[in-house]
Amino acid sequence: MLDFLSRRNNLYAIILAVVILVVSVAVKYVNVLYSTPSRVQSELNEVYEGVEVRYPLPRRPEKFRYKWGEYRNSDECSNAVYQSRFYSETGFEGNVYVVSYPDSIEFPGLPTFRRQFRIEKLME
């Protein structure tokens, strides 16, 4: 009887471990695909709003680039914004500022999910 119960407890432990792994992957997946890009977009908007109020339209791109550079090098920015410094796709494309950064989900025993994100902000 005790042997049967210990096997059953092992089965429950394995099921619990698999459920925890699945939930962890799902939480990280939602964070990578939704939370981090929205955080980067809000950081872009916040810096742009500070520039938009103070400077006329012709000077906004120049001042935005300067303020964004300051923000990106500060301790206040998110890790994704900090990582965008190392990608050549980050910068102006015409009248649009583009932030590119990589993100990934890595769990032991599972294939690594990697994705390059691209967030845009129109300089109006």
PDB file of N, CA and C in Angstrom:
ATOM      1  N   MET A   1       0.818  -1.205   0.000  1.00  0.00           N
ATOM      2  CA  MET A   1       0.000   0.000   0.000  1.00  0.00           C
ATOM      3  C   MET A   1       0.855   1.261   0.000  1.00  0.00           C
ATOM      4  N   LEU A   2       1.904   1.270   0.819  1.00  0.00           N
ATOM      5  CA  LEU A   2       2.770   2.443   0.871  1.00  0.00           C
ATOM      6  C   LEU A   2       3.499   2.657  -0.451  1.00  0.00           C
ATOM      7  N   ASP A   3       3.842   1.563  -1.119  1.00  0.00           N
ATOM      8  CA  ASP A   3       4.502   1.661  -2.410  1.00  0.00           C
ATOM      9  C   ASP A   3       3.585   2.346  -3.428  1.00  0.00           C
ATOM     10  N   PHE A   4       2.330   1.989  -3.414  1.00  0.00           N
ATOM     11  CA  PHE A   4       1.351   2.605  -4.314  1.00  0.00           C
ATOM     12  C   PHE A   4       1.227   4.109  -4.053  1.00  0.00           C
ATOM     13  N   LEU A   5       1.162   4.489  -2.782  1.00  0.00           N
ATOM     14  CA  LEU A   5       1.028   5.909  -2.439  1.00  0.00           C
ATOM     15  C   LEU A   5       2.268   6.705  -2.833  1.00  0.00           C
ATOM     16  N   SER A   6       3.439   6.138  -2.693  1.00  0.00           N
ATOM     17  CA  SER A   6       4.645   6.880  -3.060  1.00  0.00           C
ATOM     18  C   SER A   6       4.720   7.071  -4.571  1.00  0.00           C
ATOM     19  N   ARG A   7       4.272   6.092  -5.348  1.00  0.00           N
ATOM     20  CA  ARG A   7       4.237   6.260  -6.800  1.00  0.00           C
ATOM     21  C   ARG A   7       3.241   7.347  -7.180  1.00  0.00           C
ATOM     22  N   ARG A   8       2.132   7.354  -6.508  1.00  0.00           N
ATOM     23  CA  ARG A   8       1.120   8.374  -6.780  1.00  0.00           C
ATOM     24  C   ARG A   8       1.642   9.768  -6.423  1.00  0.00           C
ATOM     25  N   ASN A   9       2.353   9.890  -5.319  1.00  0.00           N
ATOM     26  CA  ASN A   9       2.937  11.175  -4.940  1.00  0.00           C
ATOM     27  C   ASN A   9       3.983  11.630  -5.951  1.00  0.00           C
ATOM     28  N   ASN A  10       4.750  10.684  -6.474  1.00  0.00           N
ATOM     29  CA  ASN A  10       5.724  11.033  -7.506  1.00  0.00           C
ATOM     30  C   ASN A  10       5.025  11.534  -8.762  1.00  0.00           C
ATOM     31  N   LEU A  11       3.931  10.895  -9.113  1.00  0.00           N
ATOM     32  CA  LEU A  11       3.167  11.331 -10.279  1.00  0.00           C
ATOM     33  C   LEU A  11       2.632  12.742 -10.072  1.00  0.00           C
ATOM     34  N   TYR A  12       2.105  13.011  -8.896  1.00  0.00           N
ATOM     35  CA  TYR A  12       1.612  14.365  -8.601  1.00  0.00           C
ATOM     36  C   TYR A  12       2.743  15.386  -8.631  1.00  0.00           C
ATOM     37  N   ALA A  13       3.893  15.017  -8.161  1.00  0.00           N
ATOM     38  CA  ALA A  13       5.042  15.924  -8.175  1.00  0.00           C
ATOM     39  C   ALA A  13       5.468  16.235  -9.609  1.00  0.00           C
ATOM     40  N   ILE A  14       5.462  15.227 -10.462  1.00  0.00           N
ATOM     41  CA  ILE A  14       5.821  15.434 -11.872  1.00  0.00           C
ATOM     42  C   ILE A  14       4.784  16.313 -12.556  1.00  0.00           C
ATOM     43  N   ILE A  15       3.516  16.037 -12.313  1.00  0.00           N
ATOM     44  CA  ILE A  15       2.449  16.861 -12.902  1.00  0.00           C
ATOM     45  C   ILE A  15       2.559  18.294 -12.417  1.00  0.00           C
ATOM     46  N   LEU A  16       2.824  18.483 -11.134  1.00  0.00           N
ATOM     47  CA  LEU A  16       2.985  19.834 -10.589  1.00  0.00           C
ATOM     48  C   LEU A  16       4.177  20.548 -11.230  1.00  0.00           C
ATOM     49  N   ALA A  17       5.277  19.850 -11.425  1.00  0.00           N
ATOM     50  CA  ALA A  17       6.454  20.445 -12.058  1.00  0.00           C
ATOM     51  C   ALA A  17       6.150  20.852 -13.501  1.00  0.00           C
ATOM     52  N   VAL A  18       5.427  20.015 -14.226  1.00  0.00           N
ATOM     53  CA  VAL A  18       5.062  20.338 -15.618  1.00  0.00           C
ATOM     54  C   VAL A  18       4.118  21.543 -15.654  1.00  0.00           C
ATOM     55  N   VAL A  19       3.160  21.594 -14.750  1.00  0.00           N
ATOM     56  CA  VAL A  19       2.235  22.732 -14.700  1.00  0.00           C
ATOM     57  C   VAL A  19       2.987  24.021 -14.380  1.00  0.00           C
ATOM     58  N   ILE A  20       3.908  23.960 -13.442  1.00  0.00           N
ATOM     59  CA  ILE A  20       4.698  25.150 -13.097  1.00  0.00           C
ATOM     60  C   ILE A  20       5.544  25.595 -14.290  1.00  0.00           C
ATOM     61  N   LEU A  21       6.130  24.656 -15.011  1.00  0.00           N
ATOM     62  CA  LEU A  21       6.916  24.992 -16.202  1.00  0.00           C
ATOM     63  C   LEU A  21       6.048  25.651 -17.265  1.00  0.00           C
ATOM     64  N   VAL A  22       4.870  25.095 -17.519  1.00  0.00           N
ATOM     65  CA  VAL A  22       3.966  25.657 -18.523  1.00  0.00           C
ATOM     66  C   VAL A  22       3.519  27.064 -18.127  1.00  0.00           C
ATOM     67  N   VAL A  23       3.181  27.254 -16.874  1.00  0.00           N
ATOM     68  CA  VAL A  23       2.758  28.582 -16.414  1.00  0.00           C
ATOM     69  C   VAL A  23       3.920  29.572 -16.517  1.00  0.00           C
ATOM     70  N   SER A  24       5.116  29.153 -16.174  1.00  0.00           N
ATOM     71  CA  SER A  24       6.285  30.034 -16.276  1.00  0.00           C
ATOM     72  C   SER A  24       6.546  30.459 -17.716  1.00  0.00           C
ATOM     73  N   VAL A  25       6.459  29.503 -18.632  1.00  0.00           N
ATOM     74  CA  VAL A  25       6.653  29.815 -20.055  1.00  0.00           C
ATOM     75  C   VAL A  25       5.562  30.761 -20.537  1.00  0.00           C
ATOM     76  N   ALA A  26       4.333  30.538 -20.127  1.00  0.00           N
ATOM     77  CA  ALA A  26       3.224  31.399 -20.555  1.00  0.00           C
ATOM     78  C   ALA A  26       3.397  32.825 -20.029  1.00  0.00           C
ATOM     79  N   VAL A  27       3.795  32.965 -18.780  1.00  0.00           N
ATOM     80  CA  VAL A  27       4.004  34.300 -18.209  1.00  0.00           C
ATOM     81  C   VAL A  27       5.137  35.016 -18.935  1.00  0.00           C
ATOM     82  N   LYS A  28       6.237  34.333 -19.180  1.00  0.00           N
ATOM     83  CA  LYS A  28       7.365  34.936 -19.904  1.00  0.00           C
ATOM     84  C   LYS A  28       6.956  35.294 -21.333  1.00  0.00           C
ATOM     85  N   TYR A  29       6.176  34.440 -21.979  1.00  0.00           N
ATOM     86  CA  TYR A  29       5.705  34.687 -23.342  1.00  0.00           C
ATOM     87  C   TYR A  29       4.860  35.964 -23.404  1.00  0.00           C
ATOM     88  N   VAL A  30       3.939  36.109 -22.474  1.00  0.00           N
ATOM     89  CA  VAL A  30       3.108  37.319 -22.423  1.00  0.00           C
ATOM     90  C   VAL A  30       3.968  38.542 -22.147  1.00  0.00           C
ATOM     91  N   ASN A  31       4.941  38.406 -21.265  1.00  0.00           N
ATOM     92  CA  ASN A  31       5.829  39.522 -20.962  1.00  0.00           C
ATOM     93  C   ASN A  31       6.628  39.940 -22.189  1.00  0.00           C
ATOM     94  N   VAL A  32       7.179  38.969 -22.911  1.00  0.00           N
ATOM     95  CA  VAL A  32       8.009  39.271 -24.079  1.00  0.00           C
ATOM     96  C   VAL A  32       7.174  39.880 -25.203  1.00  0.00           C
ATOM     97  N   LEU A  33       5.996  39.339 -25.467  1.00  0.00           N
ATOM     98  CA  LEU A  33       5.214  39.786 -26.620  1.00  0.00           C
ATOM     99  C   LEU A  33       4.332  41.005 -26.365  1.00  0.00           C
ATOM    100  N   TYR A  34       3.945  41.246 -25.124  1.00  0.00           N
ATOM    101  CA  TYR A  34       2.997  42.328 -24.865  1.00  0.00           C
ATOM    102  C   TYR A  34       3.501  43.375 -23.875  1.00  0.00           C
ATOM    103  N   SER A  35       3.990  42.960 -22.735  1.00  0.00           N
ATOM    104  CA  SER A  35       4.370  43.909 -21.691  1.00  0.00           C
ATOM    105  C   SER A  35       5.590  44.749 -22.061  1.00  0.00           C
ATOM    106  N   THR A  36       6.639  44.096 -22.523  1.00  0.00           N
ATOM    107  CA  THR A  36       7.866  44.831 -22.846  1.00  0.00           C
ATOM    108  C   THR A  36       7.668  45.795 -24.013  1.00  0.00           C
ATOM    109  N   PRO A  37       7.053  45.394 -25.140  1.00  0.00           N
ATOM    110  CA  PRO A  37       6.830  46.376 -26.200  1.00  0.00           C
ATOM    111  C   PRO A  37       5.960  47.554 -25.769  1.00  0.00           C
ATOM    112  N   SER A  38       4.954  47.304 -24.950  1.00  0.00           N
ATOM    113  CA  SER A  38       4.114  48.422 -24.494  1.00  0.00           C
ATOM    114  C   SER A  38       4.898  49.330 -23.550  1.00  0.00           C
ATOM    115  N   ARG A  39       5.801  48.782 -22.750  1.00  0.00           N
ATOM    116  CA  ARG A  39       6.642  49.593 -21.876  1.00  0.00           C
ATOM    117  C   ARG A  39       7.588  50.468 -22.703  1.00  0.00           C
ATOM    118  N   VAL A  40       8.183  49.901 -23.749  1.00  0.00           N
ATOM    119  CA  VAL A  40       9.072  50.677 -24.626  1.00  0.00           C
ATOM    120  C   VAL A  40       8.284  51.778 -25.321  1.00  0.00           C
ATOM    121  N   GLN A  41       7.076  51.464 -25.803  1.00  0.00           N
ATOM    122  CA  GLN A  41       6.233  52.471 -26.452  1.00  0.00           C
ATOM    123  C   GLN A  41       5.895  53.598 -25.486  1.00  0.00           C
ATOM    124  N   SER A  42       5.585  53.276 -24.249  1.00  0.00           N
ATOM    125  CA  SER A  42       5.260  54.327 -23.275  1.00  0.00           C
ATOM    126  C   SER A  42       6.491  55.162 -22.941  1.00  0.00           C
ATOM    127  N   GLU A  43       7.659  54.555 -22.908  1.00  0.00           N
ATOM    128  CA  GLU A  43       8.885  55.325 -22.680  1.00  0.00           C
ATOM    129  C   GLU A  43       9.157  56.278 -23.840  1.00  0.00           C
ATOM    130  N   LEU A  44       8.943  55.801 -25.066  1.00  0.00           N
ATOM    131  CA  LEU A  44       9.081  56.665 -26.241  1.00  0.00           C
ATOM    132  C   LEU A  44       8.112  57.839 -26.164  1.00  0.00           C
ATOM    133  N   ASN A  45       6.864  57.546 -25.845  1.00  0.00           N
ATOM    134  CA  ASN A  45       5.852  58.603 -25.754  1.00  0.00           C
ATOM    135  C   ASN A  45       6.188  59.615 -24.664  1.00  0.00           C
ATOM    136  N   GLU A  46       6.676  59.140 -23.545  1.00  0.00           N
ATOM    137  CA  GLU A  46       7.015  60.029 -22.433  1.00  0.00           C
ATOM    138  C   GLU A  46       8.133  61.005 -22.820  1.00  0.00           C
ATOM    139  N   VAL A  47       9.167  60.491 -23.451  1.00  0.00           N
ATOM    140  CA  VAL A  47      10.274  61.362 -23.873  1.00  0.00           C
ATOM    141  C   VAL A  47       9.799  62.317 -24.956  1.00  0.00           C
ATOM    142  N   TYR A  48       8.997  61.817 -25.895  1.00  0.00           N
ATOM    143  CA  TYR A  48       8.511  62.679 -26.969  1.00  0.00           C
ATOM    144  C   TYR A  48       7.602  63.782 -26.444  1.00  0.00           C
ATOM    145  N   GLU A  49       6.758  63.478 -25.467  1.00  0.00           N
ATOM    146  CA  GLU A  49       5.872  64.507 -24.915  1.00  0.00           C
ATOM    147  C   GLU A  49       6.666  65.643 -24.283  1.00  0.00           C
ATOM    148  N   GLY A  50       7.786  65.335 -23.654  1.00  0.00           N
ATOM    149  CA  GLY A  50       8.637  66.373 -23.094  1.00  0.00           C
ATOM    150  C   GLY A  50       9.240  67.266 -24.164  1.00  0.00           C
ATOM    151  N   VAL A  51       9.544  66.696 -25.305  1.00  0.00           N
ATOM    152  CA  VAL A  51      10.121  67.465 -26.416  1.00  0.00           C
ATOM    153  C   VAL A  51       9.030  68.212 -27.175  1.00  0.00           C
ATOM    154  N   GLU A  52       7.875  67.592 -27.343  1.00  0.00           N
ATOM    155  CA  GLU A  52       6.777  68.154 -28.124  1.00  0.00           C
ATOM    156  C   GLU A  52       6.298  69.487 -27.546  1.00  0.00           C
ATOM    157  N   VAL A  53       6.238  69.571 -26.237  1.00  0.00           N
ATOM    158  CA  VAL A  53       5.728  70.773 -25.576  1.00  0.00           C
ATOM    159  C   VAL A  53       6.703  71.945 -25.703  1.00  0.00           C
ATOM    160  N   ARG A  54       7.989  71.658 -25.669  1.00  0.00           N
ATOM    161  CA  ARG A  54       9.001  72.720 -25.594  1.00  0.00           C
ATOM    162  C   ARG A  54       9.510  73.236 -26.930  1.00  0.00           C
ATOM    163  N   TYR A  55       9.502  72.405 -27.963  1.00  0.00           N
ATOM    164  CA  TYR A  55      10.193  72.771 -29.200  1.00  0.00           C
ATOM    165  C   TYR A  55       9.250  72.759 -30.392  1.00  0.00           C
ATOM    166  N   PRO A  56       9.505  73.659 -31.376  1.00  0.00           N
ATOM    167  CA  PRO A  56       8.699  73.657 -32.600  1.00  0.00           C
ATOM    168  C   PRO A  56       9.009  72.414 -33.441  1.00  0.00           C
ATOM    169  N   LEU A  57       8.139  72.109 -34.369  1.00  0.00           N
ATOM    170  CA  LEU A  57       8.237  70.894 -35.180  1.00  0.00           C
ATOM    171  C   LEU A  57       9.588  70.711 -35.872  1.00  0.00           C
ATOM    172  N   PRO A  58      10.184  71.740 -36.479  1.00  0.00           N
ATOM    173  CA  PRO A  58      11.462  71.494 -37.176  1.00  0.00           C
ATOM    174  C   PRO A  58      12.599  71.050 -36.252  1.00  0.00           C
ATOM    175  N   ARG A  59      12.558  71.437 -34.980  1.00  0.00           N
ATOM    176  CA  ARG A  59      13.647  71.097 -34.052  1.00  0.00           C
ATOM    177  C   ARG A  59      13.361  69.839 -33.238  1.00  0.00           C
ATOM    178  N   ARG A  60      12.178  69.298 -33.324  1.00  0.00           N
ATOM    179  CA  ARG A  60      11.812  68.143 -32.499  1.00  0.00           C
ATOM    180  C   ARG A  60      12.677  66.912 -32.741  1.00  0.00           C
ATOM    181  N   PRO A  61      12.940  66.524 -34.001  1.00  0.00           N
ATOM    182  CA  PRO A  61      13.765  65.314 -34.184  1.00  0.00           C
ATOM    183  C   PRO A  61      15.149  65.439 -33.537  1.00  0.00           C
ATOM    184  N   GLU A  62      15.776  66.572 -33.695  1.00  0.00           N
ATOM    185  CA  GLU A  62      17.101  66.786 -33.118  1.00  0.00           C
ATOM    186  C   GLU A  62      17.051  66.726 -31.587  1.00  0.00           C
ATOM    187  N   LYS A  63      16.100  67.428 -31.007  1.00  0.00           N
ATOM    188  CA  LYS A  63      15.973  67.449 -29.546  1.00  0.00           C
ATOM    189  C   LYS A  63      15.518  66.096 -29.010  1.00  0.00           C
ATOM    190  N   PHE A  64      14.626  65.419 -29.760  1.00  0.00           N
ATOM    191  CA  PHE A  64      14.189  64.099 -29.338  1.00  0.00           C
ATOM    192  C   PHE A  64      15.368  63.137 -29.309  1.00  0.00           C
ATOM    193  N   ARG A  65      16.189  63.154 -30.343  1.00  0.00           N
ATOM    194  CA  ARG A  65      17.352  62.269 -30.393  1.00  0.00           C
ATOM    195  C   ARG A  65      18.264  62.516 -29.191  1.00  0.00           C
ATOM    196  N   TYR A  66      18.448  63.783 -28.845  1.00  0.00           N
ATOM    197  CA  TYR A  66      19.291  64.131 -27.701  1.00  0.00           C
ATOM    198  C   TYR A  66      18.672  63.644 -26.388  1.00  0.00           C
ATOM    199  N   LYS A  67      17.393  63.938 -26.170  1.00  0.00           N
ATOM    200  CA  LYS A  67      16.712  63.535 -24.931  1.00  0.00           C
ATOM    201  C   LYS A  67      16.601  62.007 -24.838  1.00  0.00           C
ATOM    202  N   TRP A  68      16.333  61.355 -25.953  1.00  0.00           N
ATOM    203  CA  TRP A  68      16.234  59.904 -25.955  1.00  0.00           C
ATOM    204  C   TRP A  68      17.595  59.281 -25.622  1.00  0.00           C
ATOM    205  N   GLY A  69      18.663  59.853 -26.159  1.00  0.00           N
ATOM    206  CA  GLY A  69      20.005  59.367 -25.836  1.00  0.00           C
ATOM    207  C   GLY A  69      20.313  59.505 -24.357  1.00  0.00           C
ATOM    208  N   GLU A  70      19.933  60.632 -23.776  1.00  0.00           N
ATOM    209  CA  GLU A  70      20.125  60.819 -22.334  1.00  0.00           C
ATOM    210  C   GLU A  70      19.320  59.790 -21.546  1.00  0.00           C
ATOM    211  N   TYR A  71      18.070  59.622 -21.932  1.00  0.00           N
ATOM    212  CA  TYR A  71      17.194  58.683 -21.230  1.00  0.00           C
ATOM    213  C   TYR A  71      17.707  57.249 -21.363  1.00  0.00           C
ATOM    214  N   ARG A  72      18.122  56.896 -22.558  1.00  0.00           N
ATOM    215  CA  ARG A  72      18.586  55.532 -22.825  1.00  0.00           C
ATOM    216  C   ARG A  72      19.850  55.185 -22.039  1.00  0.00           C
ATOM    217  N   ASN A  73      20.656  56.186 -21.722  1.00  0.00           N
ATOM    218  CA  ASN A  73      21.878  55.959 -20.951  1.00  0.00           C
ATOM    219  C   ASN A  73      21.670  56.105 -19.451  1.00  0.00           C
ATOM    220  N   SER A  74      20.463  56.443 -19.034  1.00  0.00           N
ATOM    221  CA  SER A  74      20.192  56.625 -17.612  1.00  0.00           C
ATOM    222  C   SER A  74      19.799  55.300 -16.964  1.00  0.00           C
ATOM    223  N   ASP A  75      19.684  55.324 -15.654  1.00  0.00           N
ATOM    224  CA  ASP A  75      19.251  54.132 -14.913  1.00  0.00           C
ATOM    225  C   ASP A  75      17.737  53.967 -14.921  1.00  0.00           C
ATOM    226  N   GLU A  76      17.016  54.934 -15.433  1.00  0.00           N
ATOM    227  CA  GLU A  76      15.556  54.900 -15.422  1.00  0.00           C
ATOM    228  C   GLU A  76      14.963  54.042 -16.537  1.00  0.00           C
ATOM    229  N   CYS A  77      15.712  53.823 -17.594  1.00  0.00           N
ATOM    230  CA  CYS A  77      15.140  53.128 -18.754  1.00  0.00           C
ATOM    231  C   CYS A  77      15.052  51.627 -18.509  1.00  0.00           C
ATOM    232  N   SER A  78      14.181  50.988 -19.277  1.00  0.00           N
ATOM    233  CA  SER A  78      14.012  49.535 -19.181  1.00  0.00           C
ATOM    234  C   SER A  78      15.182  48.831 -19.869  1.00  0.00           C
ATOM    235  N   ASN A  79      15.301  47.549 -19.625  1.00  0.00           N
ATOM    236  CA  ASN A  79      16.374  46.773 -20.224  1.00  0.00           C
ATOM    237  C   ASN A  79      16.253  46.733 -21.751  1.00  0.00           C
ATOM    238  N   ALA A  80      15.042  46.684 -22.266  1.00  0.00           N
ATOM    239  CA  ALA A  80      14.840  46.656 -23.719  1.00  0.00           C
ATOM    240  C   ALA A  80      15.342  47.949 -24.358  1.00  0.00           C
ATOM    241  N   VAL A  81      15.074  49.084 -23.731  1.00  0.00           N
ATOM    242  CA  VAL A  81      15.557  50.366 -24.255  1.00  0.00           C
ATOM    243  C   VAL A  81      17.081  50.399 -24.194  1.00  0.00           C
ATOM    244  N   TYR A  82      17.643  49.917 -23.109  1.00  0.00           N
ATOM    245  CA  TYR A  82      19.101  49.861 -22.993  1.00  0.00           C
ATOM    246  C   TYR A  82      19.696  48.972 -24.082  1.00  0.00           C
ATOM    247  N   GLN A  83      19.087  47.828 -24.349  1.00  0.00           N
ATOM    248  CA  GLN A  83      19.585  46.913 -25.382  1.00  0.00           C
ATOM    249  C   GLN A  83      19.461  47.509 -26.785  1.00  0.00           C
ATOM    250  N   SER A  84      18.548  48.441 -26.985  1.00  0.00           N
ATOM    251  CA  SER A  84      18.370  49.037 -28.310  1.00  0.00           C
ATOM    252  C   SER A  84      19.588  49.842 -28.741  1.00  0.00           C
ATOM    253  N   ARG A  85      20.433  50.216 -27.805  1.00  0.00           N
ATOM    254  CA  ARG A  85      21.645  50.976 -28.143  1.00  0.00           C
ATOM    255  C   ARG A  85      22.565  50.197 -29.067  1.00  0.00           C
ATOM    256  N   PHE A  86      22.500  48.887 -29.022  1.00  0.00           N
ATOM    257  CA  PHE A  86      23.441  48.043 -29.739  1.00  0.00           C
ATOM    258  C   PHE A  86      22.941  47.605 -31.120  1.00  0.00           C
ATOM    259  N   TYR A  87      21.834  48.173 -31.589  1.00  0.00           N
ATOM    260  CA  TYR A  87      21.274  47.783 -32.884  1.00  0.00           C
ATOM    261  C   TYR A  87      21.239  48.960 -33.834  1.00  0.00           C
ATOM    262  N   SER A  88      21.744  48.720 -35.040  1.00  0.00           N
ATOM    263  CA  SER A  88      21.838  49.789 -36.030  1.00  0.00           C
ATOM    264  C   SER A  88      20.475  50.177 -36.593  1.00  0.00           C
ATOM    265  N   GLU A  89      19.457  49.336 -36.427  1.00  0.00           N
ATOM    266  CA  GLU A  89      18.126  49.666 -36.927  1.00  0.00           C
ATOM    267  C   GLU A  89      17.439  50.726 -36.067  1.00  0.00           C
ATOM    268  N   THR A  90      17.998  51.034 -34.899  1.00  0.00           N
ATOM    269  CA  THR A  90      17.416  52.043 -34.031  1.00  0.00           C
ATOM    270  C   THR A  90      17.822  53.416 -34.532  1.00  0.00           C
ATOM    271  N   GLY A  91      16.842  54.290 -34.739  1.00  0.00           N
ATOM    272  CA  GLY A  91      17.104  55.643 -35.207  1.00  0.00           C
ATOM    273  C   GLY A  91      15.975  56.135 -36.087  1.00  0.00           C
ATOM    274  N   PHE A  92      16.220  57.262 -36.741  1.00  0.00           N
ATOM    275  CA  PHE A  92      15.199  57.859 -37.590  1.00  0.00           C
ATOM    276  C   PHE A  92      15.161  57.192 -38.956  1.00  0.00           C
ATOM    277  N   GLU A  93      13.942  56.965 -39.425  1.00  0.00           N
ATOM    278  CA  GLU A  93      13.668  56.552 -40.798  1.00  0.00           C
ATOM    279  C   GLU A  93      12.670  57.559 -41.326  1.00  0.00           C
ATOM    280  N   GLY A  94      13.188  58.599 -41.928  1.00  0.00           N
ATOM    281  CA  GLY A  94      12.326  59.690 -42.369  1.00  0.00           C
ATOM    282  C   GLY A  94      11.822  60.457 -41.165  1.00  0.00           C
ATOM    283  N   ASN A  95      10.505  60.496 -41.006  1.00  0.00           N
ATOM    284  CA  ASN A  95       9.880  61.233 -39.911  1.00  0.00           C
ATOM    285  C   ASN A  95       9.442  60.303 -38.772  1.00  0.00           C
ATOM    286  N   VAL A  96       9.962  59.075 -38.764  1.00  0.00           N
ATOM    287  CA  VAL A  96       9.585  58.070 -37.774  1.00  0.00           C
ATOM    288  C   VAL A  96      10.837  57.640 -37.019  1.00  0.00           C
ATOM    289  N   TYR A  97      10.741  57.623 -35.681  1.00  0.00           N
ATOM    290  CA  TYR A  97      11.843  57.106 -34.878  1.00  0.00           C
ATOM    291  C   TYR A  97      11.551  55.650 -34.578  1.00  0.00           C
ATOM    292  N   VAL A  98      12.540  54.788 -34.810  1.00  0.00           N
ATOM    293  CA  VAL A  98      12.389  53.347 -34.663  1.00  0.00           C
ATOM    294  C   VAL A  98      13.309  52.856 -33.545  1.00  0.00           C
ATOM    295  N   VAL A  99      12.751  52.057 -32.654  1.00  0.00           N
ATOM    296  CA  VAL A  99      13.537  51.400 -31.609  1.00  0.00           C
ATOM    297  C   VAL A  99      13.495  49.905 -31.886  1.00  0.00           C
ATOM    298  N   SER A 100      14.655  49.297 -32.093  1.00  0.00           N
ATOM    299  CA  SER A 100      14.754  47.853 -32.309  1.00  0.00           C
ATOM    300  C   SER A 100      15.504  47.235 -31.149  1.00  0.00           C
ATOM    301  N   TYR A 101      15.009  46.097 -30.682  1.00  0.00           N
ATOM    302  CA  TYR A 101      15.688  45.386 -29.605  1.00  0.00           C
ATOM    303  C   TYR A 101      15.336  43.906 -29.697  1.00  0.00           C
ATOM    304  N   PRO A 102      16.228  43.047 -29.220  1.00  0.00           N
ATOM    305  CA  PRO A 102      15.943  41.605 -29.217  1.00  0.00           C
ATOM    306  C   PRO A 102      15.355  41.182 -27.882  1.00  0.00           C
ATOM    307  N   ASP A 103      14.624  40.101 -27.900  1.00  0.00           N
ATOM    308  CA  ASP A 103      14.151  39.491 -26.662  1.00  0.00           C
ATOM    309  C   ASP A 103      14.009  38.001 -26.912  1.00  0.00           C
ATOM    310  N   SER A 104      14.078  37.231 -25.849  1.00  0.00           N
ATOM    311  CA  SER A 104      14.006  35.784 -26.010  1.00  0.00           C
ATOM    312  C   SER A 104      13.408  35.137 -24.764  1.00  0.00           C
ATOM    313  N   ILE A 105      12.964  33.908 -24.966  1.00  0.00           N
ATOM    314  CA  ILE A 105      12.489  33.066 -23.873  1.00  0.00           C
ATOM    315  C   ILE A 105      13.391  31.837 -23.863  1.00  0.00           C
ATOM    316  N   GLU A 106      14.066  31.641 -22.760  1.00  0.00           N
ATOM    317  CA  GLU A 106      14.979  30.508 -22.645  1.00  0.00           C
ATOM    318  C   GLU A 106      14.621  29.702 -21.401  1.00  0.00           C
ATOM    319  N   PHE A 107      14.255  28.460 -21.610  1.00  0.00           N
ATOM    320  CA  PHE A 107      13.990  27.521 -20.525  1.00  0.00           C
ATOM    321  C   PHE A 107      14.730  26.233 -20.833  1.00  0.00           C
ATOM    322  N   PRO A 108      15.304  25.609 -19.830  1.00  0.00           N
ATOM    323  CA  PRO A 108      16.023  24.348 -20.062  1.00  0.00           C
ATOM    324  C   PRO A 108      15.098  23.285 -20.659  1.00  0.00           C
ATOM    325  N   GLY A 109      15.602  22.598 -21.656  1.00  0.00           N
ATOM    326  CA  GLY A 109      14.840  21.516 -22.263  1.00  0.00           C
ATOM    327  C   GLY A 109      13.878  21.955 -23.348  1.00  0.00           C
ATOM    328  N   LEU A 110      13.722  23.255 -23.542  1.00  0.00           N
ATOM    329  CA  LEU A 110      12.817  23.765 -24.573  1.00  0.00           C
ATOM    330  C   LEU A 110      13.623  24.578 -25.584  1.00  0.00           C
ATOM    331  N   PRO A 111      13.180  24.626 -26.833  1.00  0.00           N
ATOM    332  CA  PRO A 111      13.901  25.452 -27.810  1.00  0.00           C
ATOM    333  C   PRO A 111      13.780  26.937 -27.439  1.00  0.00           C
ATOM    334  N   THR A 112      14.830  27.669 -27.717  1.00  0.00           N
ATOM    335  CA  THR A 112      14.849  29.098 -27.399  1.00  0.00           C
ATOM    336  C   THR A 112      14.001  29.866 -28.401  1.00  0.00           C
ATOM    337  N   PHE A 113      13.114  30.706 -27.872  1.00  0.00           N
ATOM    338  CA  PHE A 113      12.268  31.569 -28.700  1.00  0.00           C
ATOM    339  C   PHE A 113      12.946  32.931 -28.761  1.00  0.00           C
ATOM    340  N   ARG A 114      13.362  33.351 -29.958  1.00  0.00           N
ATOM    341  CA  ARG A 114      14.017  34.650 -30.130  1.00  0.00           C
ATOM    342  C   ARG A 114      13.209  35.478 -31.105  1.00  0.00           C
ATOM    343  N   ARG A 115      13.177  36.783 -30.810  1.00  0.00           N
ATOM    344  CA  ARG A 115      12.434  37.677 -31.688  1.00  0.00           C
ATOM    345  C   ARG A 115      13.049  39.062 -31.633  1.00  0.00           C
ATOM    346  N   GLN A 116      13.086  39.729 -32.766  1.00  0.00           N
ATOM    347  CA  GLN A 116      13.555  41.102 -32.875  1.00  0.00           C
ATOM    348  C   GLN A 116      12.323  42.002 -32.909  1.00  0.00           C
ATOM    349  N   PHE A 117      12.251  42.946 -31.994  1.00  0.00           N
ATOM    350  CA  PHE A 117      11.086  43.835 -31.918  1.00  0.00           C
ATOM    351  C   PHE A 117      11.417  45.180 -32.542  1.00  0.00           C
ATOM    352  N   ARG A 118      10.404  45.817 -33.076  1.00  0.00           N
ATOM    353  CA  ARG A 118      10.551  47.109 -33.733  1.00  0.00           C
ATOM    354  C   ARG A 118       9.369  47.975 -33.296  1.00  0.00           C
ATOM    355  N   ILE A 119       9.675  49.029 -32.542  1.00  0.00           N
ATOM    356  CA  ILE A 119       8.675  49.958 -32.049  1.00  0.00           C
ATOM    357  C   ILE A 119       8.891  51.284 -32.758  1.00  0.00           C
ATOM    358  N   GLU A 120       7.812  51.909 -33.232  1.00  0.00           N
ATOM    359  CA  GLU A 120       7.923  53.146 -34.004  1.00  0.00           C
ATOM    360  C   GLU A 120       7.184  54.285 -33.322  1.00  0.00           C
ATOM    361  N   LYS A 121       7.725  55.498 -33.512  1.00  0.00           N
ATOM    362  CA  LYS A 121       7.083  56.710 -33.004  1.00  0.00           C
ATOM    363  C   LYS A 121       7.160  57.775 -34.104  1.00  0.00           C
ATOM    364  N   LEU A 122       6.001  58.229 -34.552  1.00  0.00           N
ATOM    365  CA  LEU A 122       5.914  59.258 -35.578  1.00  0.00           C
ATOM    366  C   LEU A 122       6.193  60.614 -34.965  1.00  0.00           C
ATOM    367  N   MET A 123       7.122  61.358 -35.563  1.00  0.00           N
ATOM    368  CA  MET A 123       7.418  62.713 -35.103  1.00  0.00           C
ATOM    369  C   MET A 123       6.461  63.671 -35.809  1.00  0.00           C
ATOM    370  N   GLU A 124       5.420  64.078 -35.103  1.00  0.00           N
ATOM    371  CA  GLU A 124       4.376  64.925 -35.684  1.00  0.00           C
ATOM    372  C   GLU A 124       4.689  66.389 -35.504  1.00  0.00           C
TER     373      GLU A 124
END
